[in-house]
Amino acid sequence: MTRVAFFLLGVALLAITALGALWLLGQLLAGLGAFLAGTAGVLLRLLWFLAVAGLLGGVAFFLASAWRPAGRASGPQRRVVPAAPTPVPAPTEETR
């Protein structure tokens, strides 16, 4: 009879342990789900901000380009001429 009681006690303890492990796994998965949902919300708001900022930046660039086109800037047009290269002096006895 004692062996049967120990067997039933072991089965009950095993069932309680399994239920506790299952509950803990559920808690971990619920926490992971909440974290992923929060991360998705933050990334969605970031995507929305970047889209609006890009759109407004494009409109500002378009308006700035239309206001003063690059080819018709006021003022004298002059070409930039690169400076002539400076000759390198030949080494002498003092500089060797």
PDB file of N, CA and C in Angstrom:
ATOM      1  N   MET A   1       0.819  -1.199   0.000  1.00  0.00           N
ATOM      2  CA  MET A   1       0.000   0.000   0.000  1.00  0.00           C
ATOM      3  C   MET A   1       0.857   1.254   0.000  1.00  0.00           C
ATOM      4  N   THR A   2       2.010   1.184   0.667  1.00  0.00           N
ATOM      5  CA  THR A   2       2.895   2.337   0.720  1.00  0.00           C
ATOM      6  C   THR A   2       3.437   2.652  -0.662  1.00  0.00           C
ATOM      7  N   ARG A   3       3.739   1.610  -1.439  1.00  0.00           N
ATOM      8  CA  ARG A   3       4.250   1.853  -2.786  1.00  0.00           C
ATOM      9  C   ARG A   3       3.204   2.517  -3.661  1.00  0.00           C
ATOM     10  N   VAL A   4       1.972   2.163  -3.502  1.00  0.00           N
ATOM     11  CA  VAL A   4       0.906   2.781  -4.282  1.00  0.00           C
ATOM     12  C   VAL A   4       0.747   4.248  -3.888  1.00  0.00           C
ATOM     13  N   ALA A   5       0.835   4.549  -2.597  1.00  0.00           N
ATOM     14  CA  ALA A   5       0.717   5.927  -2.118  1.00  0.00           C
ATOM     15  C   ALA A   5       1.877   6.771  -2.655  1.00  0.00           C
ATOM     16  N   PHE A   6       3.102   6.208  -2.603  1.00  0.00           N
ATOM     17  CA  PHE A   6       4.261   6.942  -3.150  1.00  0.00           C
ATOM     18  C   PHE A   6       4.123   7.148  -4.665  1.00  0.00           C
ATOM     19  N   PHE A   7       3.577   6.150  -5.358  1.00  0.00           N
ATOM     20  CA  PHE A   7       3.373   6.271  -6.797  1.00  0.00           C
ATOM     21  C   PHE A   7       2.372   7.386  -7.101  1.00  0.00           C
ATOM     22  N   LEU A   8       1.258   7.397  -6.370  1.00  0.00           N
ATOM     23  CA  LEU A   8       0.252   8.444  -6.584  1.00  0.00           C
ATOM     24  C   LEU A   8       0.794   9.819  -6.214  1.00  0.00           C
ATOM     25  N   LEU A   9       1.571   9.902  -5.154  1.00  0.00           N
ATOM     26  CA  LEU A   9       2.192  11.172  -4.765  1.00  0.00           C
ATOM     27  C   LEU A   9       3.187  11.635  -5.833  1.00  0.00           C
ATOM     28  N   GLY A  10       3.952  10.733  -6.398  1.00  0.00           N
ATOM     29  CA  GLY A  10       4.892  11.076  -7.462  1.00  0.00           C
ATOM     30  C   GLY A  10       4.179  11.548  -8.718  1.00  0.00           C
ATOM     31  N   VAL A  11       3.092  10.872  -9.071  1.00  0.00           N
ATOM     32  CA  VAL A  11       2.317  11.294 -10.239  1.00  0.00           C
ATOM     33  C   VAL A  11       1.725  12.680 -10.011  1.00  0.00           C
ATOM     34  N   ALA A  12       1.218  12.944  -8.803  1.00  0.00           N
ATOM     35  CA  ALA A  12       0.639  14.254  -8.492  1.00  0.00           C
ATOM     36  C   ALA A  12       1.720  15.338  -8.547  1.00  0.00           C
ATOM     37  N   LEU A  13       2.884  15.057  -7.970  1.00  0.00           N
ATOM     38  CA  LEU A  13       3.974  16.032  -8.012  1.00  0.00           C
ATOM     39  C   LEU A  13       4.447  16.270  -9.442  1.00  0.00           C
ATOM     40  N   LEU A  14       4.502  15.237 -10.232  1.00  0.00           N
ATOM     41  CA  LEU A  14       4.896  15.384 -11.635  1.00  0.00           C
ATOM     42  C   LEU A  14       3.872  16.218 -12.401  1.00  0.00           C
ATOM     43  N   ALA A  15       2.601  16.004 -12.142  1.00  0.00           N
ATOM     44  CA  ALA A  15       1.558  16.777 -12.811  1.00  0.00           C
ATOM     45  C   ALA A  15       1.615  18.245 -12.388  1.00  0.00           C
ATOM     46  N   ILE A  16       1.835  18.508 -11.107  1.00  0.00           N
ATOM     47  CA  ILE A  16       1.932  19.890 -10.628  1.00  0.00           C
ATOM     48  C   ILE A  16       3.154  20.578 -11.229  1.00  0.00           C
ATOM     49  N   THR A  17       4.267  19.862 -11.306  1.00  0.00           N
ATOM     50  CA  THR A  17       5.478  20.425 -11.901  1.00  0.00           C
ATOM     51  C   THR A  17       5.265  20.714 -13.387  1.00  0.00           C
ATOM     52  N   ALA A  18       4.620  19.804 -14.091  1.00  0.00           N
ATOM     53  CA  ALA A  18       4.362  20.015 -15.517  1.00  0.00           C
ATOM     54  C   ALA A  18       3.427  21.207 -15.722  1.00  0.00           C
ATOM     55  N   LEU A  19       2.399  21.323 -14.887  1.00  0.00           N
ATOM     56  CA  LEU A  19       1.498  22.473 -14.997  1.00  0.00           C
ATOM     57  C   LEU A  19       2.233  23.779 -14.686  1.00  0.00           C
ATOM     58  N   GLY A  20       3.119  23.767 -13.715  1.00  0.00           N
ATOM     59  CA  GLY A  20       3.913  24.965 -13.405  1.00  0.00           C
ATOM     60  C   GLY A  20       4.834  25.345 -14.554  1.00  0.00           C
ATOM     61  N   ALA A  21       5.451  24.350 -15.171  1.00  0.00           N
ATOM     62  CA  ALA A  21       6.321  24.625 -16.319  1.00  0.00           C
ATOM     63  C   ALA A  21       5.513  25.154 -17.496  1.00  0.00           C
ATOM     64  N   LEU A  22       4.327  24.598 -17.692  1.00  0.00           N
ATOM     65  CA  LEU A  22       3.467  25.077 -18.768  1.00  0.00           C
ATOM     66  C   LEU A  22       3.012  26.514 -18.514  1.00  0.00           C
ATOM     67  N   TRP A  23       2.679  26.829 -17.259  1.00  0.00           N
ATOM     68  CA  TRP A  23       2.284  28.201 -16.907  1.00  0.00           C
ATOM     69  C   TRP A  23       3.451  29.173 -17.139  1.00  0.00           C
ATOM     70  N   LEU A  24       4.658  28.759 -16.721  1.00  0.00           N
ATOM     71  CA  LEU A  24       5.827  29.611 -16.906  1.00  0.00           C
ATOM     72  C   LEU A  24       6.112  29.840 -18.386  1.00  0.00           C
ATOM     73  N   LEU A  25       5.971  28.828 -19.201  1.00  0.00           N
ATOM     74  CA  LEU A  25       6.159  28.978 -20.639  1.00  0.00           C
ATOM     75  C   LEU A  25       5.128  29.942 -21.222  1.00  0.00           C
ATOM     76  N   GLY A  26       3.896  29.848 -20.741  1.00  0.00           N
ATOM     77  CA  GLY A  26       2.865  30.775 -21.190  1.00  0.00           C
ATOM     78  C   GLY A  26       3.179  32.214 -20.813  1.00  0.00           C
ATOM     79  N   GLN A  27       3.708  32.411 -19.611  1.00  0.00           N
ATOM     80  CA  GLN A  27       4.088  33.760 -19.190  1.00  0.00           C
ATOM     81  C   GLN A  27       5.219  34.310 -20.057  1.00  0.00           C
ATOM     82  N   LEU A  28       6.194  33.476 -20.352  1.00  0.00           N
ATOM     83  CA  LEU A  28       7.309  33.916 -21.198  1.00  0.00           C
ATOM     84  C   LEU A  28       6.831  34.258 -22.603  1.00  0.00           C
ATOM     85  N   LEU A  29       5.955  33.445 -23.147  1.00  0.00           N
ATOM     86  CA  LEU A  29       5.449  33.725 -24.493  1.00  0.00           C
ATOM     87  C   LEU A  29       4.564  34.968 -24.512  1.00  0.00           C
ATOM     88  N   ALA A  30       3.799  35.196 -23.456  1.00  0.00           N
ATOM     89  CA  ALA A  30       2.987  36.406 -23.389  1.00  0.00           C
ATOM     90  C   ALA A  30       3.882  37.646 -23.309  1.00  0.00           C
ATOM     91  N   GLY A  31       4.945  37.565 -22.525  1.00  0.00           N
ATOM     92  CA  GLY A  31       5.891  38.685 -22.448  1.00  0.00           C
ATOM     93  C   GLY A  31       6.580  38.931 -23.783  1.00  0.00           C
ATOM     94  N   LEU A  32       6.960  37.866 -24.450  1.00  0.00           N
ATOM     95  CA  LEU A  32       7.590  38.008 -25.769  1.00  0.00           C
ATOM     96  C   LEU A  32       6.620  38.625 -26.774  1.00  0.00           C
ATOM     97  N   GLY A  33       5.355  38.216 -26.712  1.00  0.00           N
ATOM     98  CA  GLY A  33       4.353  38.791 -27.609  1.00  0.00           C
ATOM     99  C   GLY A  33       4.143  40.270 -27.344  1.00  0.00           C
ATOM    100  N   ALA A  34       4.107  40.654 -26.066  1.00  0.00           N
ATOM    101  CA  ALA A  34       3.943  42.076 -25.739  1.00  0.00           C
ATOM    102  C   ALA A  34       5.144  42.882 -26.221  1.00  0.00           C
ATOM    103  N   PHE A  35       6.336  42.315 -26.064  1.00  0.00           N
ATOM    104  CA  PHE A  35       7.543  43.003 -26.533  1.00  0.00           C
ATOM    105  C   PHE A  35       7.521  43.173 -28.049  1.00  0.00           C
ATOM    106  N   LEU A  36       7.144  42.116 -28.766  1.00  0.00           N
ATOM    107  CA  LEU A  36       7.100  42.208 -30.229  1.00  0.00           C
ATOM    108  C   LEU A  36       6.025  43.181 -30.700  1.00  0.00           C
ATOM    109  N   ALA A  37       4.891  43.209 -30.022  1.00  0.00           N
ATOM    110  CA  ALA A  37       3.839  44.150 -30.410  1.00  0.00           C
ATOM    111  C   ALA A  37       4.281  45.588 -30.158  1.00  0.00           C
ATOM    112  N   GLY A  38       4.959  45.831 -29.035  1.00  0.00           N
ATOM    113  CA  GLY A  38       5.480  47.172 -28.762  1.00  0.00           C
ATOM    114  C   GLY A  38       6.536  47.591 -29.755  1.00  0.00           C
ATOM    115  N   THR A  39       7.425  46.662 -30.103  1.00  0.00           N
ATOM    116  CA  THR A  39       8.466  46.964 -31.085  1.00  0.00           C
ATOM    117  C   THR A  39       7.857  47.260 -32.452  1.00  0.00           C
ATOM    118  N   ALA A  40       6.847  46.511 -32.825  1.00  0.00           N
ATOM    119  CA  ALA A  40       6.189  46.758 -34.111  1.00  0.00           C
ATOM    120  C   ALA A  40       5.527  48.126 -34.118  1.00  0.00           C
ATOM    121  N   GLY A  41       4.927  48.523 -33.000  1.00  0.00           N
ATOM    122  CA  GLY A  41       4.310  49.846 -32.919  1.00  0.00           C
ATOM    123  C   GLY A  41       5.326  50.960 -33.056  1.00  0.00           C
ATOM    124  N   VAL A  42       6.456  50.804 -32.373  1.00  0.00           N
ATOM    125  CA  VAL A  42       7.509  51.827 -32.453  1.00  0.00           C
ATOM    126  C   VAL A  42       8.055  51.910 -33.874  1.00  0.00           C
ATOM    127  N   LEU A  43       8.300  50.769 -34.501  1.00  0.00           N
ATOM    128  CA  LEU A  43       8.830  50.779 -35.865  1.00  0.00           C
ATOM    129  C   LEU A  43       7.817  51.343 -36.855  1.00  0.00           C
ATOM    130  N   LEU A  44       6.528  51.102 -36.623  1.00  0.00           N
ATOM    131  CA  LEU A  44       5.508  51.665 -37.503  1.00  0.00           C
ATOM    132  C   LEU A  44       5.469  53.186 -37.376  1.00  0.00           C
ATOM    133  N   ARG A  45       5.569  53.693 -36.146  1.00  0.00           N
ATOM    134  CA  ARG A  45       5.601  55.150 -35.966  1.00  0.00           C
ATOM    135  C   ARG A  45       6.861  55.751 -36.570  1.00  0.00           C
ATOM    136  N   LEU A  46       7.992  55.059 -36.464  1.00  0.00           N
ATOM    137  CA  LEU A  46       9.228  55.537 -37.078  1.00  0.00           C
ATOM    138  C   LEU A  46       9.102  55.566 -38.598  1.00  0.00           C
ATOM    139  N   LEU A  47       8.506  54.529 -39.179  1.00  0.00           N
ATOM    140  CA  LEU A  47       8.307  54.507 -40.630  1.00  0.00           C
ATOM    141  C   LEU A  47       7.399  55.649 -41.059  1.00  0.00           C
ATOM    142  N   TRP A  48       6.347  55.914 -40.321  1.00  0.00           N
ATOM    143  CA  TRP A  48       5.437  57.004 -40.631  1.00  0.00           C
ATOM    144  C   TRP A  48       6.173  58.350 -40.576  1.00  0.00           C
ATOM    145  N   PHE A  49       6.991  58.540 -39.527  1.00  0.00           N
ATOM    146  CA  PHE A  49       7.748  59.782 -39.397  1.00  0.00           C
ATOM    147  C   PHE A  49       8.717  59.950 -40.563  1.00  0.00           C
ATOM    148  N   LEU A  50       9.420  58.894 -40.936  1.00  0.00           N
ATOM    149  CA  LEU A  50      10.385  58.995 -42.030  1.00  0.00           C
ATOM    150  C   LEU A  50       9.698  59.272 -43.355  1.00  0.00           C
ATOM    151  N   ALA A  51       8.527  58.675 -43.566  1.00  0.00           N
ATOM    152  CA  ALA A  51       7.796  58.937 -44.808  1.00  0.00           C
ATOM    153  C   ALA A  51       7.341  60.391 -44.872  1.00  0.00           C
ATOM    154  N   VAL A  52       6.809  60.910 -43.779  1.00  0.00           N
ATOM    155  CA  VAL A  52       6.352  62.299 -43.764  1.00  0.00           C
ATOM    156  C   VAL A  52       7.530  63.251 -43.907  1.00  0.00           C
ATOM    157  N   ALA A  53       8.626  62.960 -43.202  1.00  0.00           N
ATOM    158  CA  ALA A  53       9.808  63.818 -43.297  1.00  0.00           C
ATOM    159  C   ALA A  53      10.386  63.791 -44.713  1.00  0.00           C
ATOM    160  N   GLY A  54      10.434  62.626 -45.333  1.00  0.00           N
ATOM    161  CA  GLY A  54      10.924  62.546 -46.712  1.00  0.00           C
ATOM    162  C   GLY A  54      10.026  63.291 -47.680  1.00  0.00           C
ATOM    163  N   LEU A  55       8.721  63.168 -47.488  1.00  0.00           N
ATOM    164  CA  LEU A  55       7.788  63.877 -48.356  1.00  0.00           C
ATOM    165  C   LEU A  55       7.920  65.386 -48.198  1.00  0.00           C
ATOM    166  N   LEU A  56       7.972  65.854 -46.971  1.00  0.00           N
ATOM    167  CA  LEU A  56       8.115  67.298 -46.749  1.00  0.00           C
ATOM    168  C   LEU A  56       9.475  67.808 -47.225  1.00  0.00           C
ATOM    169  N   GLY A  57      10.524  67.015 -47.036  1.00  0.00           N
ATOM    170  CA  GLY A  57      11.841  67.404 -47.544  1.00  0.00           C
ATOM    171  C   GLY A  57      11.860  67.474 -49.063  1.00  0.00           C
ATOM    172  N   GLY A  58      11.181  66.518 -49.712  1.00  0.00           N
ATOM    173  CA  GLY A  58      11.095  66.554 -51.173  1.00  0.00           C
ATOM    174  C   GLY A  58      10.331  67.763 -51.666  1.00  0.00           C
ATOM    175  N   VAL A  59       9.238  68.102 -50.973  1.00  0.00           N
ATOM    176  CA  VAL A  59       8.476  69.295 -51.361  1.00  0.00           C
ATOM    177  C   VAL A  59       9.325  70.544 -51.178  1.00  0.00           C
ATOM    178  N   ALA A  60      10.058  70.624 -50.063  1.00  0.00           N
ATOM    179  CA  ALA A  60      10.916  71.783 -49.830  1.00  0.00           C
ATOM    180  C   ALA A  60      12.012  71.867 -50.889  1.00  0.00           C
ATOM    181  N   PHE A  61      12.602  70.736 -51.257  1.00  0.00           N
ATOM    182  CA  PHE A  61      13.638  70.739 -52.295  1.00  0.00           C
ATOM    183  C   PHE A  61      13.054  71.161 -53.641  1.00  0.00           C
ATOM    184  N   PHE A  62      11.862  70.650 -53.961  1.00  0.00           N
ATOM    185  CA  PHE A  62      11.224  71.012 -55.222  1.00  0.00           C
ATOM    186  C   PHE A  62      10.912  72.502 -55.260  1.00  0.00           C
ATOM    187  N   LEU A  63      10.371  73.028 -54.187  1.00  0.00           N
ATOM    188  CA  LEU A  63      10.053  74.451 -54.163  1.00  0.00           C
ATOM    189  C   LEU A  63      11.313  75.304 -54.231  1.00  0.00           C
ATOM    190  N   ALA A  64      12.375  74.885 -53.543  1.00  0.00           N
ATOM    191  CA  ALA A  64      13.620  75.648 -53.598  1.00  0.00           C
ATOM    192  C   ALA A  64      14.217  75.598 -55.002  1.00  0.00           C
ATOM    193  N   SER A  65      14.106  74.472 -55.673  1.00  0.00           N
ATOM    194  CA  SER A  65      14.630  74.364 -57.033  1.00  0.00           C
ATOM    195  C   SER A  65      13.783  75.174 -58.004  1.00  0.00           C
ATOM    196  N   ALA A  66      12.490  75.205 -57.797  1.00  0.00           N
ATOM    197  CA  ALA A  66      11.623  75.954 -58.690  1.00  0.00           C
ATOM    198  C   ALA A  66      11.764  77.456 -58.455  1.00  0.00           C
ATOM    199  N   TRP A  67      12.067  77.848 -57.241  1.00  0.00           N
ATOM    200  CA  TRP A  67      12.189  79.272 -56.935  1.00  0.00           C
ATOM    201  C   TRP A  67      13.412  79.866 -57.611  1.00  0.00           C
ATOM    202  N   ARG A  68      14.537  79.142 -57.577  1.00  0.00           N
ATOM    203  CA  ARG A  68      15.762  79.612 -58.214  1.00  0.00           C
ATOM    204  C   ARG A  68      16.425  78.429 -58.902  1.00  0.00           C
ATOM    205  N   PRO A  69      16.116  78.226 -60.165  1.00  0.00           N
ATOM    206  CA  PRO A  69      16.724  77.100 -60.891  1.00  0.00           C
ATOM    207  C   PRO A  69      18.243  77.222 -60.953  1.00  0.00           C
ATOM    208  N   ALA A  70      18.911  76.107 -61.064  1.00  0.00           N
ATOM    209  CA  ALA A  70      20.370  76.084 -61.008  1.00  0.00           C
ATOM    210  C   ALA A  70      20.995  76.795 -62.204  1.00  0.00           C
ATOM    211  N   GLY A  71      20.419  76.716 -63.406  1.00  0.00           N
ATOM    212  CA  GLY A  71      21.023  77.302 -64.601  1.00  0.00           C
ATOM    213  C   GLY A  71      20.805  78.796 -64.727  1.00  0.00           C
ATOM    214  N   ARG A  72      19.921  79.373 -63.951  1.00  0.00           N
ATOM    215  CA  ARG A  72      19.576  80.777 -64.119  1.00  0.00           C
ATOM    216  C   ARG A  72      19.864  81.591 -62.866  1.00  0.00           C
ATOM    217  N   ALA A  73      20.912  81.284 -62.189  1.00  0.00           N
ATOM    218  CA  ALA A  73      21.244  82.026 -60.973  1.00  0.00           C
ATOM    219  C   ALA A  73      21.671  83.438 -61.332  1.00  0.00           C
ATOM    220  N   SER A  74      21.249  84.388 -60.528  1.00  0.00           N
ATOM    221  CA  SER A  74      21.615  85.778 -60.811  1.00  0.00           C
ATOM    222  C   SER A  74      23.079  86.017 -60.455  1.00  0.00           C
ATOM    223  N   GLY A  75      23.669  87.001 -61.086  1.00  0.00           N
ATOM    224  CA  GLY A  75      25.069  87.313 -60.827  1.00  0.00           C
ATOM    225  C   GLY A  75      25.944  86.856 -61.973  1.00  0.00           C
ATOM    226  N   PRO A  76      27.177  87.305 -61.984  1.00  0.00           N
ATOM    227  CA  PRO A  76      28.072  86.941 -63.093  1.00  0.00           C
ATOM    228  C   PRO A  76      28.448  85.468 -63.034  1.00  0.00           C
ATOM    229  N   GLN A  77      28.512  84.873 -64.209  1.00  0.00           N
ATOM    230  CA  GLN A  77      28.933  83.480 -64.316  1.00  0.00           C
ATOM    231  C   GLN A  77      30.423  83.463 -64.619  1.00  0.00           C
ATOM    232  N   ARG A  78      31.211  82.824 -63.820  1.00  0.00           N
ATOM    233  CA  ARG A  78      32.632  82.723 -64.121  1.00  0.00           C
ATOM    234  C   ARG A  78      33.086  81.298 -63.884  1.00  0.00           C
ATOM    235  N   ARG A  79      34.007  80.915 -64.707  1.00  0.00           N
ATOM    236  CA  ARG A  79      34.525  79.561 -64.649  1.00  0.00           C
ATOM    237  C   ARG A  79      35.673  79.507 -63.645  1.00  0.00           C
ATOM    238  N   VAL A  80      35.712  78.466 -62.874  1.00  0.00           N
ATOM    239  CA  VAL A  80      36.793  78.279 -61.909  1.00  0.00           C
ATOM    240  C   VAL A  80      37.946  77.599 -62.614  1.00  0.00           C
ATOM    241  N   VAL A  81      39.099  78.260 -62.611  1.00  0.00           N
ATOM    242  CA  VAL A  81      40.290  77.720 -63.266  1.00  0.00           C
ATOM    243  C   VAL A  81      41.204  77.184 -62.171  1.00  0.00           C
ATOM    244  N   PRO A  82      41.640  75.945 -62.300  1.00  0.00           N
ATOM    245  CA  PRO A  82      42.533  75.413 -61.267  1.00  0.00           C
ATOM    246  C   PRO A  82      43.875  76.142 -61.285  1.00  0.00           C
ATOM    247  N   ALA A  83      44.438  76.272 -60.116  1.00  0.00           N
ATOM    248  CA  ALA A  83      45.731  76.948 -59.989  1.00  0.00           C
ATOM    249  C   ALA A  83      46.825  76.096 -60.619  1.00  0.00           C
ATOM    250  N   ALA A  84      47.858  76.777 -61.124  1.00  0.00           N
ATOM    251  CA  ALA A  84      48.987  76.066 -61.735  1.00  0.00           C
ATOM    252  C   ALA A  84      49.763  75.355 -60.641  1.00  0.00           C
ATOM    253  N   PRO A  85      50.242  74.154 -60.942  1.00  0.00           N
ATOM    254  CA  PRO A  85      51.006  73.435 -59.915  1.00  0.00           C
ATOM    255  C   PRO A  85      52.329  74.147 -59.637  1.00  0.00           C
ATOM    256  N   THR A  86      52.698  74.144 -58.375  1.00  0.00           N
ATOM    257  CA  THR A  86      53.966  74.773 -57.998  1.00  0.00           C
ATOM    258  C   THR A  86      55.098  73.784 -58.261  1.00  0.00           C
ATOM    259  N   PRO A  87      56.197  74.285 -58.849  1.00  0.00           N
ATOM    260  CA  PRO A  87      57.321  73.375 -59.133  1.00  0.00           C
ATOM    261  C   PRO A  87      58.012  72.962 -57.827  1.00  0.00           C
ATOM    262  N   VAL A  88      58.468  71.728 -57.825  1.00  0.00           N
ATOM    263  CA  VAL A  88      59.183  71.205 -56.663  1.00  0.00           C
ATOM    264  C   VAL A  88      60.660  71.512 -56.860  1.00  0.00           C
ATOM    265  N   PRO A  89      61.310  72.198 -55.896  1.00  0.00           N
ATOM    266  CA  PRO A  89      62.734  72.522 -56.079  1.00  0.00           C
ATOM    267  C   PRO A  89      63.586  71.255 -56.073  1.00  0.00           C
ATOM    268  N   ALA A  90      64.640  71.316 -56.850  1.00  0.00           N
ATOM    269  CA  ALA A  90      65.551  70.175 -56.922  1.00  0.00           C
ATOM    270  C   ALA A  90      66.351  70.089 -55.630  1.00  0.00           C
ATOM    271  N   PRO A  91      66.617  68.879 -55.164  1.00  0.00           N
ATOM    272  CA  PRO A  91      67.391  68.757 -53.922  1.00  0.00           C
ATOM    273  C   PRO A  91      68.824  69.221 -54.109  1.00  0.00           C
ATOM    274  N   THR A  92      69.321  69.886 -53.097  1.00  0.00           N
ATOM    275  CA  THR A  92      70.703  70.367 -53.108  1.00  0.00           C
ATOM    276  C   THR A  92      71.470  69.621 -52.044  1.00  0.00           C
ATOM    277  N   GLU A  93      72.721  69.942 -51.939  1.00  0.00           N
ATOM    278  CA  GLU A  93      73.577  69.285 -50.943  1.00  0.00           C
ATOM    279  C   GLU A  93      73.106  69.588 -49.510  1.00  0.00           C
ATOM    280  N   GLU A  94      72.582  70.776 -49.287  1.00  0.00           N
ATOM    281  CA  GLU A  94      72.146  71.147 -47.938  1.00  0.00           C
ATOM    282  C   GLU A  94      70.875  70.422 -47.531  1.00  0.00           C
ATOM    283  N   THR A  95      70.000  70.124 -48.483  1.00  0.00           N
ATOM    284  CA  THR A  95      68.733  69.479 -48.116  1.00  0.00           C
ATOM    285  C   THR A  95      68.811  67.954 -48.106  1.00  0.00           C
ATOM    286  N   ARG A  96      69.923  67.387 -48.580  1.00  0.00           N
ATOM    287  CA  ARG A  96      70.064  65.927 -48.569  1.00  0.00           C
ATOM    288  C   ARG A  96      70.430  65.386 -47.240  1.00  0.00           C
TER     289      ARG A  96
END
